[in-house]
Amino acid sequence: MALIEKRERPAVVNSAAWSNSQTLHFGDIETNYELDKSRQVKAAADLERRYLERHDEAGEIHSKYHKMVLAVGREDGERLRSRIKDYKELFPKLELIERERIGLGWAAGNLDPEVFQDPEEIQLDRKPNPHLSFGFGKHLCLGAPHARLIVRSLLNTLAAKVGSVEVTAAVPNVEREEAYTREVGFESMTVKLTGR
């Protein structure tokens, strides 16, 4: 296998590998593929996947993400259920998740111990840092560069002027749904800043 990179190093287009929208297609969720095409695509993609797993163990030029395809409406739902039966042998890890089990937990993605070492520890110099706070790929938030600039300015100012930060009160933000309740961020938080 040969990889040809036209830039000085891999994955510099769109700033970083983890925010790049180039996806390795296996044929599992590409619903426009027939089974035979999925077999061919998977065979080729597996070559690249094995290469990356052997030669990029640190995840500097690639990241692993779960993928899914959503069916909207009864007709699409039935089509997807039928497709999964046909594809299960080729993709044994395919799983049908019904609507009662679906919830979007962006914050949980940033705390995945399979992706982040010590995920609950703040590490401003974490590399790579494929966090999902601004989305990713073609769904990357347009305001991400502006938000990064604001946070960078805030952290630089805090580092220069503040010796310690103490959380004195925190009220969790609780989402209550019919099937679940979960804490996502904070409704409010009070902190005490001590100067240098």
Protein backbone atom coordinates (compact mmCIF):
# COMPACT_ATOMS: atom_id res chain seq x y z
CA MET A 1 0.00 0.00 0.00
CA ALA A 2 1.23 3.49 -0.78
CA LEU A 3 -0.11 6.71 0.68
CA ILE A 4 0.64 9.85 -1.30
CA GLU A 5 0.35 13.17 0.53
CA LYS A 6 0.62 16.39 -1.46
CA ARG A 7 1.22 18.56 1.63
CA GLU A 8 4.35 18.68 3.81
CA ARG A 9 2.71 16.32 6.35
CA PRO A 10 -0.52 14.31 6.57
CA ALA A 11 -3.92 15.86 7.34
CA VAL A 12 -3.04 19.56 7.28
CA VAL A 13 -6.01 20.49 5.10
CA ASN A 14 -8.87 21.94 7.19
CA SER A 15 -6.40 22.50 10.08
CA ALA A 16 -6.29 19.03 11.68
CA ALA A 17 -7.03 15.36 11.09
CA TRP A 18 -9.75 15.24 13.74
CA SER A 19 -11.72 18.11 12.16
CA ASN A 20 -11.26 16.92 8.60
CA SER A 21 -14.32 15.57 6.82
CA GLN A 22 -12.45 12.81 4.95
CA THR A 23 -14.10 9.58 6.01
CA LEU A 24 -13.04 6.01 5.36
CA HIS A 25 -16.10 4.27 3.91
CA PHE A 26 -16.61 0.60 4.71
CA GLY A 27 -19.98 0.11 3.02
CA ASP A 28 -21.84 -0.52 6.26
CA ILE A 29 -23.84 2.72 6.53
CA GLU A 30 -23.71 3.83 2.90
CA THR A 31 -27.34 3.04 2.14
CA ASN A 32 -26.90 3.78 -1.57
CA TYR A 33 -24.60 0.70 -1.85
CA GLU A 34 -25.87 -2.74 -2.76
CA LEU A 35 -24.42 -5.70 -0.81
CA ASP A 36 -21.87 -6.64 -3.52
CA LYS A 37 -20.49 -3.09 -3.66
CA SER A 38 -20.31 -2.99 0.14
CA ARG A 39 -18.21 -6.20 0.07
CA GLN A 40 -15.74 -4.60 -2.37
CA VAL A 41 -15.60 -1.30 -0.48
CA LYS A 42 -15.08 -3.07 2.86
CA ALA A 43 -12.20 -5.18 1.47
CA ALA A 44 -10.37 -2.06 0.28
CA ALA A 45 -11.17 -0.03 3.41
CA ASP A 46 -9.95 -2.84 5.67
CA LEU A 47 -6.51 -2.58 4.04
CA GLU A 48 -6.27 1.09 4.98
CA ARG A 49 -7.76 0.51 8.45
CA ARG A 50 -5.18 -2.22 9.23
CA TYR A 51 -2.36 -0.01 7.92
CA LEU A 52 -3.43 2.89 10.17
CA GLU A 53 -3.86 0.63 13.21
CA ARG A 54 -0.31 -0.70 12.74
CA HIS A 55 1.46 2.54 11.84
CA ASP A 56 -0.49 5.26 13.66
CA GLU A 57 -1.16 3.77 17.08
CA ALA A 58 -1.08 7.22 18.71
CA GLY A 59 -3.88 8.47 16.46
CA GLU A 60 -1.93 11.43 15.09
CA ILE A 61 -3.35 11.22 11.56
CA HIS A 62 -6.59 9.30 12.11
CA SER A 63 -9.41 9.00 14.60
CA LYS A 64 -12.05 6.34 15.20
CA TYR A 65 -15.68 7.31 15.55
CA HIS A 66 -18.87 5.35 15.73
CA LYS A 67 -20.99 5.83 12.64
CA MET A 68 -24.71 5.59 12.21
CA VAL A 69 -27.45 5.96 9.70
CA LEU A 70 -30.80 7.34 10.77
CA ALA A 71 -34.12 6.35 9.29
CA VAL A 72 -36.86 8.96 9.38
CA GLY A 73 -40.44 7.77 9.06
CA ARG A 74 -42.06 4.36 8.86
CA GLU A 75 -41.01 3.58 5.26
CA ASP A 76 -37.31 4.41 5.83
CA GLY A 77 -37.41 2.51 9.12
CA GLU A 78 -38.65 -0.66 7.46
CA ARG A 79 -36.08 -0.32 4.67
CA LEU A 80 -33.28 0.01 7.23
CA ARG A 81 -34.51 -2.97 9.29
CA SER A 82 -34.56 -5.11 6.13
CA ARG A 83 -31.10 -3.91 5.12
CA ILE A 84 -29.57 -4.78 8.49
CA LYS A 85 -30.76 -8.40 8.15
CA ASP A 86 -29.00 -8.66 4.78
CA TYR A 87 -25.80 -6.94 5.98
CA LYS A 88 -25.36 -8.58 9.40
CA GLU A 89 -23.09 -11.37 8.10
CA LEU A 90 -20.73 -8.92 6.40
CA PHE A 91 -20.84 -6.43 9.31
CA PRO A 92 -21.47 -8.50 12.48
CA LYS A 93 -21.21 -5.43 14.74
CA LEU A 94 -24.13 -3.68 13.05
CA GLU A 95 -26.81 -2.98 15.61
CA LEU A 96 -30.35 -1.73 15.17
CA ILE A 97 -31.17 0.92 17.74
CA GLU A 98 -34.84 1.78 18.00
CA ARG A 99 -36.00 5.34 18.73
CA GLU A 100 -36.52 4.70 22.46
CA ARG A 101 -32.76 4.26 22.91
CA ILE A 102 -31.58 7.24 20.86
CA GLY A 103 -30.28 10.33 22.61
CA LEU A 104 -27.57 12.77 21.65
CA GLY A 105 -25.02 13.23 24.40
CA TRP A 106 -22.31 15.50 22.98
CA ALA A 107 -20.69 15.88 26.39
CA ALA A 108 -20.32 12.12 26.78
CA GLY A 109 -18.30 11.95 23.56
CA ASN A 110 -15.70 14.25 25.12
CA LEU A 111 -15.34 11.92 28.13
CA ASP A 112 -14.84 8.64 26.25
CA PRO A 113 -11.91 6.80 27.93
CA GLU A 114 -11.27 4.87 24.70
CA VAL A 115 -10.47 8.18 22.97
CA PHE A 116 -9.10 10.36 25.79
CA GLN A 117 -6.56 9.32 28.39
CA ASP A 118 -7.73 10.72 31.77
CA PRO A 119 -10.85 12.21 30.12
CA GLU A 120 -12.08 14.09 33.21
CA GLU A 121 -8.76 15.87 33.69
CA ILE A 122 -8.31 19.28 32.08
CA GLN A 123 -5.25 19.09 29.82
CA LEU A 124 -4.93 22.25 27.75
CA ASP A 125 -2.02 20.75 25.80
CA ARG A 126 -3.79 17.44 25.00
CA LYS A 127 -2.66 16.09 21.59
CA PRO A 128 -4.49 14.84 19.67
CA ASN A 129 -7.68 16.36 21.02
CA PRO A 130 -10.58 15.17 18.85
CA HIS A 131 -13.25 16.70 21.08
CA LEU A 132 -16.79 17.12 19.78
CA SER A 133 -17.57 20.45 21.41
CA PHE A 134 -17.85 22.19 18.03
CA GLY A 135 -19.10 19.20 16.04
CA PHE A 136 -16.71 17.74 13.45
CA GLY A 137 -16.11 17.27 9.74
CA LYS A 138 -18.65 19.02 7.54
CA HIS A 139 -20.74 19.64 10.65
CA LEU A 140 -18.00 21.70 12.31
CA CYS A 141 -19.47 24.82 13.92
CA LEU A 142 -18.87 27.96 11.87
CA GLY A 143 -18.28 29.88 15.11
CA ALA A 144 -15.54 27.49 16.32
CA PRO A 145 -12.56 29.76 15.42
CA HIS A 146 -14.24 32.69 17.18
CA ALA A 147 -15.04 30.62 20.28
CA ARG A 148 -11.44 29.31 20.39
CA LEU A 149 -10.13 32.88 20.21
CA ILE A 150 -12.36 33.98 23.10
CA VAL A 151 -11.40 30.99 25.26
CA ARG A 152 -7.69 31.43 24.43
CA SER A 153 -7.88 35.12 25.48
CA LEU A 154 -9.73 34.21 28.68
CA LEU A 155 -7.23 31.48 29.60
CA ASN A 156 -4.23 33.72 28.88
CA THR A 157 -5.69 36.46 31.09
CA LEU A 158 -6.57 34.01 33.89
CA ALA A 159 -3.10 32.45 33.74
CA ALA A 160 -1.48 35.89 34.03
CA LYS A 161 -3.69 37.30 36.81
CA VAL A 162 -5.27 34.44 38.77
CA GLY A 163 -3.48 32.15 41.20
CA SER A 164 -6.37 29.79 41.92
CA VAL A 165 -9.97 29.08 40.95
CA GLU A 166 -12.40 27.53 43.43
CA VAL A 167 -15.92 26.38 42.58
CA THR A 168 -18.13 27.57 45.46
CA ALA A 169 -21.52 26.56 44.07
CA ALA A 170 -22.77 24.60 41.06
CA VAL A 171 -26.30 23.79 39.94
CA PRO A 172 -26.38 20.97 37.36
CA ASN A 173 -28.45 21.33 34.21
CA VAL A 174 -30.79 18.31 34.24
CA GLU A 175 -32.55 17.15 31.09
CA ARG A 176 -35.71 15.17 31.82
CA GLU A 177 -37.11 13.05 29.02
CA GLU A 178 -39.75 10.34 29.06
CA ALA A 179 -37.19 7.53 28.82
CA TYR A 180 -34.27 9.05 30.78
CA THR A 181 -32.90 11.84 32.92
CA ARG A 182 -29.34 13.11 32.52
CA GLU A 183 -27.09 15.92 33.68
CA VAL A 184 -25.60 18.02 30.88
CA GLY A 185 -23.39 20.89 31.97
CA PHE A 186 -24.52 23.42 34.55
CA GLU A 187 -27.50 25.70 34.98
CA SER A 188 -25.24 28.01 36.97
CA MET A 189 -21.81 27.97 38.59
CA THR A 190 -20.19 30.36 41.06
CA VAL A 191 -16.40 30.50 41.31
CA LYS A 192 -13.96 32.34 43.57
CA LEU A 193 -10.86 33.74 41.86
CA THR A 194 -7.78 34.45 43.93
CA GLY A 195 -5.22 36.83 42.41
CA ARG A 196 -1.53 36.16 42.06
